[in-house]
């Protein structure tokens, strides 16, 4: 099983919230910017987080394979 690191450049977030619609790992914080519940995910969560990554209109989400 692979593991992945999730990261985001919150300073560039425009609050579009598409990530929250695509993955349960994402939520909108009280400041109107996206945040995530878990920084490290596995294969079972990869697809939805990857969809959030490629759908972000400002391309600030990054998913990096760790192992």
PDB file of N, CA and C in Angstrom:
ATOM      1  N   UNK A   1       0.841  -1.180   0.000  1.00  0.00           N
ATOM      2  CA  UNK A   1       0.000   0.000   0.000  1.00  0.00           C
ATOM      3  C   UNK A   1       0.887   1.246   0.000  1.00  0.00           C
ATOM      4  N   UNK A   2       0.528   2.198  -0.810  1.00  0.00           N
ATOM      5  CA  UNK A   2       1.275   3.453  -0.910  1.00  0.00           C
ATOM      6  C   UNK A   2       0.734   4.480   0.072  1.00  0.00           C
ATOM      7  N   UNK A   3       1.604   5.428   0.441  1.00  0.00           N
ATOM      8  CA  UNK A   3       1.186   6.569   1.244  1.00  0.00           C
ATOM      9  C   UNK A   3       1.553   7.842   0.498  1.00  0.00           C
ATOM     10  N   UNK A   4       0.787   8.893   0.770  1.00  0.00           N
ATOM     11  CA  UNK A   4       0.934  10.160   0.070  1.00  0.00           C
ATOM     12  C   UNK A   4       0.848  11.304   1.073  1.00  0.00           C
ATOM     13  N   UNK A   5       1.558  12.381   0.767  1.00  0.00           N
ATOM     14  CA  UNK A   5       1.508  13.596   1.589  1.00  0.00           C
ATOM     15  C   UNK A   5       0.660  14.629   0.868  1.00  0.00           C
ATOM     16  N   UNK A   6      -0.294  15.197   1.590  1.00  0.00           N
ATOM     17  CA  UNK A   6      -1.185  16.231   1.067  1.00  0.00           C
ATOM     18  C   UNK A   6      -0.687  17.582   1.560  1.00  0.00           C
ATOM     19  N   UNK A   7      -0.632  18.560   0.664  1.00  0.00           N
ATOM     20  CA  UNK A   7      -0.265  19.918   1.084  1.00  0.00           C
ATOM     21  C   UNK A   7      -1.048  20.931   0.258  1.00  0.00           C
ATOM     22  N   UNK A   8      -1.114  22.151   0.784  1.00  0.00           N
ATOM     23  CA  UNK A   8      -1.840  23.227   0.113  1.00  0.00           C
ATOM     24  C   UNK A   8      -1.156  24.555   0.429  1.00  0.00           C
ATOM     25  N   UNK A   9      -1.162  25.445  -0.541  1.00  0.00           N
ATOM     26  CA  UNK A   9      -0.700  26.817  -0.317  1.00  0.00           C
ATOM     27  C   UNK A   9      -1.933  27.633   0.079  1.00  0.00           C
ATOM     28  N   UNK A  10      -2.241  27.630   1.367  1.00  0.00           N
ATOM     29  CA  UNK A  10      -3.473  28.283   1.848  1.00  0.00           C
ATOM     30  C   UNK A  10      -3.501  29.775   1.540  1.00  0.00           C
ATOM     31  N   UNK A  11      -2.329  30.418   1.469  1.00  0.00           N
ATOM     32  CA  UNK A  11      -2.303  31.858   1.215  1.00  0.00           C
ATOM     33  C   UNK A  11      -2.855  32.198  -0.169  1.00  0.00           C
ATOM     34  N   UNK A  12      -2.841  31.231  -1.081  1.00  0.00           N
ATOM     35  CA  UNK A  12      -3.341  31.459  -2.437  1.00  0.00           C
ATOM     36  C   UNK A  12      -4.752  30.917  -2.644  1.00  0.00           C
ATOM     37  N   UNK A  13      -5.353  30.328  -1.619  1.00  0.00           N
ATOM     38  CA  UNK A  13      -6.693  29.744  -1.731  1.00  0.00           C
ATOM     39  C   UNK A  13      -7.722  30.846  -1.974  1.00  0.00           C
ATOM     40  N   UNK A  14      -8.611  30.622  -2.948  1.00  0.00           N
ATOM     41  CA  UNK A  14      -9.661  31.595  -3.261  1.00  0.00           C
ATOM     42  C   UNK A  14     -11.017  31.185  -2.694  1.00  0.00           C
ATOM     43  N   UNK A  15     -11.069  30.081  -1.964  1.00  0.00           N
ATOM     44  CA  UNK A  15     -12.302  29.657  -1.314  1.00  0.00           C
ATOM     45  C   UNK A  15     -13.335  29.062  -2.247  1.00  0.00           C
ATOM     46  N   UNK A  16     -12.917  28.513  -3.354  1.00  0.00           N
ATOM     47  CA  UNK A  16     -13.817  27.914  -4.338  1.00  0.00           C
ATOM     48  C   UNK A  16     -14.562  26.699  -3.786  1.00  0.00           C
ATOM     49  N   UNK A  17     -13.932  25.944  -2.912  1.00  0.00           N
ATOM     50  CA  UNK A  17     -14.501  24.789  -2.208  1.00  0.00           C
ATOM     51  C   UNK A  17     -14.739  23.558  -3.070  1.00  0.00           C
ATOM     52  N   UNK A  18     -14.225  23.517  -4.286  1.00  0.00           N
ATOM     53  CA  UNK A  18     -14.383  22.315  -5.106  1.00  0.00           C
ATOM     54  C   UNK A  18     -13.730  21.119  -4.427  1.00  0.00           C
ATOM     55  N   UNK A  19     -12.650  21.342  -3.714  1.00  0.00           N
ATOM     56  CA  UNK A  19     -11.960  20.244  -3.016  1.00  0.00           C
ATOM     57  C   UNK A  19     -12.885  19.577  -1.998  1.00  0.00           C
ATOM     58  N   UNK A  20     -13.703  20.366  -1.311  1.00  0.00           N
ATOM     59  CA  UNK A  20     -14.605  19.804  -0.308  1.00  0.00           C
ATOM     60  C   UNK A  20     -15.719  18.991  -0.951  1.00  0.00           C
ATOM     61  N   UNK A  21     -16.079  19.312  -2.159  1.00  0.00           N
ATOM     62  CA  UNK A  21     -17.107  18.554  -2.874  1.00  0.00           C
ATOM     63  C   UNK A  21     -16.563  17.228  -3.396  1.00  0.00           C
ATOM     64  N   UNK A  22     -15.269  17.149  -3.590  1.00  0.00           N
ATOM     65  CA  UNK A  22     -14.658  15.962  -4.195  1.00  0.00           C
ATOM     66  C   UNK A  22     -14.043  14.990  -3.193  1.00  0.00           C
ATOM     67  N   UNK A  23     -13.689  15.463  -2.002  1.00  0.00           N
ATOM     68  CA  UNK A  23     -13.014  14.599  -1.036  1.00  0.00           C
ATOM     69  C   UNK A  23     -13.447  14.931   0.386  1.00  0.00           C
ATOM     70  N   UNK A  24     -13.703  13.897   1.165  1.00  0.00           N
ATOM     71  CA  UNK A  24     -14.065  14.074   2.575  1.00  0.00           C
ATOM     72  C   UNK A  24     -12.885  14.538   3.411  1.00  0.00           C
ATOM     73  N   UNK A  25     -11.680  14.496   2.844  1.00  0.00           N
ATOM     74  CA  UNK A  25     -10.495  14.954   3.573  1.00  0.00           C
ATOM     75  C   UNK A  25     -10.436  16.478   3.668  1.00  0.00           C
ATOM     76  N   UNK A  26     -11.182  17.172   2.837  1.00  0.00           N
ATOM     77  CA  UNK A  26     -11.110  18.629   2.757  1.00  0.00           C
ATOM     78  C   UNK A  26     -12.300  19.292   3.425  1.00  0.00           C
ATOM     79  N   UNK A  27     -12.068  20.466   4.007  1.00  0.00           N
ATOM     80  CA  UNK A  27     -13.137  21.273   4.605  1.00  0.00           C
ATOM     81  C   UNK A  27     -12.764  22.744   4.469  1.00  0.00           C
ATOM     82  N   UNK A  28     -13.765  23.598   4.593  1.00  0.00           N
ATOM     83  CA  UNK A  28     -13.525  25.033   4.564  1.00  0.00           C
ATOM     84  C   UNK A  28     -13.353  25.510   5.992  1.00  0.00           C
ATOM     85  N   UNK A  29     -12.237  26.146   6.265  1.00  0.00           N
ATOM     86  CA  UNK A  29     -11.920  26.648   7.597  1.00  0.00           C
ATOM     87  C   UNK A  29     -12.699  27.939   7.855  1.00  0.00           C
ATOM     88  N   UNK A  30     -12.680  28.392   9.072  1.00  0.00           N
ATOM     89  CA  UNK A  30     -13.444  29.584   9.448  1.00  0.00           C
ATOM     90  C   UNK A  30     -12.978  30.844   8.718  1.00  0.00           C
ATOM     91  N   UNK A  31     -11.770  30.831   8.168  1.00  0.00           N
ATOM     92  CA  UNK A  31     -11.276  31.986   7.414  1.00  0.00           C
ATOM     93  C   UNK A  31     -11.678  31.933   5.932  1.00  0.00           C
ATOM     94  N   UNK A  32     -12.476  30.910   5.553  1.00  0.00           N
ATOM     95  CA  UNK A  32     -12.939  30.800   4.171  1.00  0.00           C
ATOM     96  C   UNK A  32     -11.957  30.125   3.232  1.00  0.00           C
ATOM     97  N   UNK A  33     -10.894  29.566   3.793  1.00  0.00           N
ATOM     98  CA  UNK A  33      -9.884  28.883   2.980  1.00  0.00           C
ATOM     99  C   UNK A  33      -9.927  27.381   3.262  1.00  0.00           C
ATOM    100  N   UNK A  34      -9.513  26.604   2.266  1.00  0.00           N
ATOM    101  CA  UNK A  34      -9.543  25.151   2.388  1.00  0.00           C
ATOM    102  C   UNK A  34      -8.468  24.642   3.344  1.00  0.00           C
ATOM    103  N   UNK A  35      -8.816  23.579   4.051  1.00  0.00           N
ATOM    104  CA  UNK A  35      -7.893  22.859   4.919  1.00  0.00           C
ATOM    105  C   UNK A  35      -8.193  21.375   4.765  1.00  0.00           C
ATOM    106  N   UNK A  36      -7.308  20.537   5.280  1.00  0.00           N
ATOM    107  CA  UNK A  36      -7.525  19.100   5.195  1.00  0.00           C
ATOM    108  C   UNK A  36      -7.433  18.469   6.573  1.00  0.00           C
ATOM    109  N   UNK A  37      -8.092  17.322   6.717  1.00  0.00           N
ATOM    110  CA  UNK A  37      -8.099  16.603   7.991  1.00  0.00           C
ATOM    111  C   UNK A  37      -6.810  15.825   8.202  1.00  0.00           C
ATOM    112  N   UNK A  38      -6.344  15.127   7.165  1.00  0.00           N
ATOM    113  CA  UNK A  38      -5.168  14.271   7.294  1.00  0.00           C
ATOM    114  C   UNK A  38      -4.111  14.651   6.261  1.00  0.00           C
ATOM    115  N   UNK A  39      -2.899  14.897   6.742  1.00  0.00           N
ATOM    116  CA  UNK A  39      -1.782  15.243   5.859  1.00  0.00           C
ATOM    117  C   UNK A  39      -1.250  14.012   5.135  1.00  0.00           C
ATOM    118  N   UNK A  40      -1.341  12.853   5.768  1.00  0.00           N
ATOM    119  CA  UNK A  40      -0.881  11.618   5.153  1.00  0.00           C
ATOM    120  C   UNK A  40      -2.091  10.743   4.840  1.00  0.00           C
ATOM    121  N   UNK A  41      -2.188  10.322   3.582  1.00  0.00           N
ATOM    122  CA  UNK A  41      -3.295   9.472   3.143  1.00  0.00           C
ATOM    123  C   UNK A  41      -2.736   8.196   2.513  1.00  0.00           C
ATOM    124  N   UNK A  42      -3.613   7.228   2.294  1.00  0.00           N
ATOM    125  CA  UNK A  42      -3.186   5.990   1.644  1.00  0.00           C
ATOM    126  C   UNK A  42      -3.943   5.813   0.325  1.00  0.00           C
ATOM    127  N   UNK A  43      -3.751   4.664  -0.293  1.00  0.00           N
ATOM    128  CA  UNK A  43      -4.367   4.397  -1.590  1.00  0.00           C
ATOM    129  C   UNK A  43      -5.884   4.564  -1.576  1.00  0.00           C
ATOM    130  N   UNK A  44      -6.528   4.204  -0.473  1.00  0.00           N
ATOM    131  CA  UNK A  44      -7.983   4.273  -0.405  1.00  0.00           C
ATOM    132  C   UNK A  44      -8.513   5.709  -0.493  1.00  0.00           C
ATOM    133  N   UNK A  45      -7.686   6.683  -0.149  1.00  0.00           N
ATOM    134  CA  UNK A  45      -8.094   8.090  -0.194  1.00  0.00           C
ATOM    135  C   UNK A  45      -7.455   8.862  -1.341  1.00  0.00           C
ATOM    136  N   UNK A  46      -6.546   8.212  -2.050  1.00  0.00           N
ATOM    137  CA  UNK A  46      -5.784   8.922  -3.080  1.00  0.00           C
ATOM    138  C   UNK A  46      -6.677   9.498  -4.178  1.00  0.00           C
ATOM    139  N   UNK A  47      -7.561   8.694  -4.739  1.00  0.00           N
ATOM    140  CA  UNK A  47      -8.330   9.125  -5.913  1.00  0.00           C
ATOM    141  C   UNK A  47      -9.128  10.403  -5.652  1.00  0.00           C
ATOM    142  N   UNK A  48      -9.855  10.463  -4.555  1.00  0.00           N
ATOM    143  CA  UNK A  48     -10.664  11.657  -4.282  1.00  0.00           C
ATOM    144  C   UNK A  48      -9.784  12.882  -4.007  1.00  0.00           C
ATOM    145  N   UNK A  49      -8.661  12.676  -3.327  1.00  0.00           N
ATOM    146  CA  UNK A  49      -7.749  13.791  -3.079  1.00  0.00           C
ATOM    147  C   UNK A  49      -7.057  14.231  -4.360  1.00  0.00           C
ATOM    148  N   UNK A  50      -6.744  13.290  -5.235  1.00  0.00           N
ATOM    149  CA  UNK A  50      -6.150  13.635  -6.532  1.00  0.00           C
ATOM    150  C   UNK A  50      -7.156  14.420  -7.382  1.00  0.00           C
ATOM    151  N   UNK A  51      -8.424  14.040  -7.337  1.00  0.00           N
ATOM    152  CA  UNK A  51      -9.460  14.794  -8.053  1.00  0.00           C
ATOM    153  C   UNK A  51      -9.518  16.233  -7.538  1.00  0.00           C
ATOM    154  N   UNK A  52      -9.408  16.403  -6.225  1.00  0.00           N
ATOM    155  CA  UNK A  52      -9.377  17.753  -5.648  1.00  0.00           C
ATOM    156  C   UNK A  52      -8.152  18.514  -6.141  1.00  0.00           C
ATOM    157  N   UNK A  53      -7.026  17.829  -6.194  1.00  0.00           N
ATOM    158  CA  UNK A  53      -5.772  18.438  -6.655  1.00  0.00           C
ATOM    159  C   UNK A  53      -5.897  18.946  -8.091  1.00  0.00           C
ATOM    160  N   UNK A  54      -6.379  18.110  -8.998  1.00  0.00           N
ATOM    161  CA  UNK A  54      -6.433  18.507 -10.409  1.00  0.00           C
ATOM    162  C   UNK A  54      -7.603  19.426 -10.726  1.00  0.00           C
ATOM    163  N   UNK A  55      -8.583  19.505  -9.829  1.00  0.00           N
ATOM    164  CA  UNK A  55      -9.750  20.366 -10.062  1.00  0.00           C
ATOM    165  C   UNK A  55      -9.614  21.746  -9.439  1.00  0.00           C
ATOM    166  N   UNK A  56      -8.639  21.937  -8.581  1.00  0.00           N
ATOM    167  CA  UNK A  56      -8.453  23.235  -7.923  1.00  0.00           C
ATOM    168  C   UNK A  56      -8.201  24.309  -8.984  1.00  0.00           C
ATOM    169  N   UNK A  57      -9.027  25.353  -9.010  1.00  0.00           N
ATOM    170  CA  UNK A  57      -8.882  26.374 -10.057  1.00  0.00           C
ATOM    171  C   UNK A  57      -7.600  27.200  -9.977  1.00  0.00           C
ATOM    172  N   UNK A  58      -6.945  27.190  -8.818  1.00  0.00           N
ATOM    173  CA  UNK A  58      -5.690  27.940  -8.689  1.00  0.00           C
ATOM    174  C   UNK A  58      -4.486  27.023  -8.487  1.00  0.00           C
ATOM    175  N   UNK A  59      -4.696  25.718  -8.636  1.00  0.00           N
ATOM    176  CA  UNK A  59      -3.625  24.708  -8.614  1.00  0.00           C
ATOM    177  C   UNK A  59      -2.699  24.821  -7.405  1.00  0.00           C
ATOM    178  N   UNK A  60      -3.290  24.878  -6.205  1.00  0.00           N
ATOM    179  CA  UNK A  60      -2.475  25.047  -5.001  1.00  0.00           C
ATOM    180  C   UNK A  60      -2.420  23.788  -4.135  1.00  0.00           C
ATOM    181  N   UNK A  61      -3.101  22.719  -4.566  1.00  0.00           N
ATOM    182  CA  UNK A  61      -3.079  21.457  -3.836  1.00  0.00           C
ATOM    183  C   UNK A  61      -2.005  20.568  -4.454  1.00  0.00           C
ATOM    184  N   UNK A  62      -1.226  19.914  -3.584  1.00  0.00           N
ATOM    185  CA  UNK A  62      -0.190  19.011  -4.065  1.00  0.00           C
ATOM    186  C   UNK A  62      -0.310  17.676  -3.315  1.00  0.00           C
ATOM    187  N   UNK A  63      -0.275  16.585  -4.081  1.00  0.00           N
ATOM    188  CA  UNK A  63      -0.259  15.241  -3.522  1.00  0.00           C
ATOM    189  C   UNK A  63       1.064  14.600  -3.939  1.00  0.00           C
ATOM    190  N   UNK A  64       1.873  14.232  -2.956  1.00  0.00           N
ATOM    191  CA  UNK A  64       3.201  13.671  -3.218  1.00  0.00           C
ATOM    192  C   UNK A  64       3.263  12.242  -2.690  1.00  0.00           C
ATOM    193  N   UNK A  65       3.693  11.308  -3.530  1.00  0.00           N
ATOM    194  CA  UNK A  65       3.828   9.924  -3.109  1.00  0.00           C
ATOM    195  C   UNK A  65       5.037   9.780  -2.195  1.00  0.00           C
ATOM    196  N   UNK A  66       4.831   9.177  -1.033  1.00  0.00           N
ATOM    197  CA  UNK A  66       5.905   8.968  -0.071  1.00  0.00           C
ATOM    198  C   UNK A  66       6.484   7.565  -0.170  1.00  0.00           C
ATOM    199  N   UNK A  67       5.637   6.589  -0.339  1.00  0.00           N
ATOM    200  CA  UNK A  67       6.112   5.195  -0.449  1.00  0.00           C
ATOM    201  C   UNK A  67       5.143   4.366  -1.245  1.00  0.00           C
TER     202      UNK A  67
END
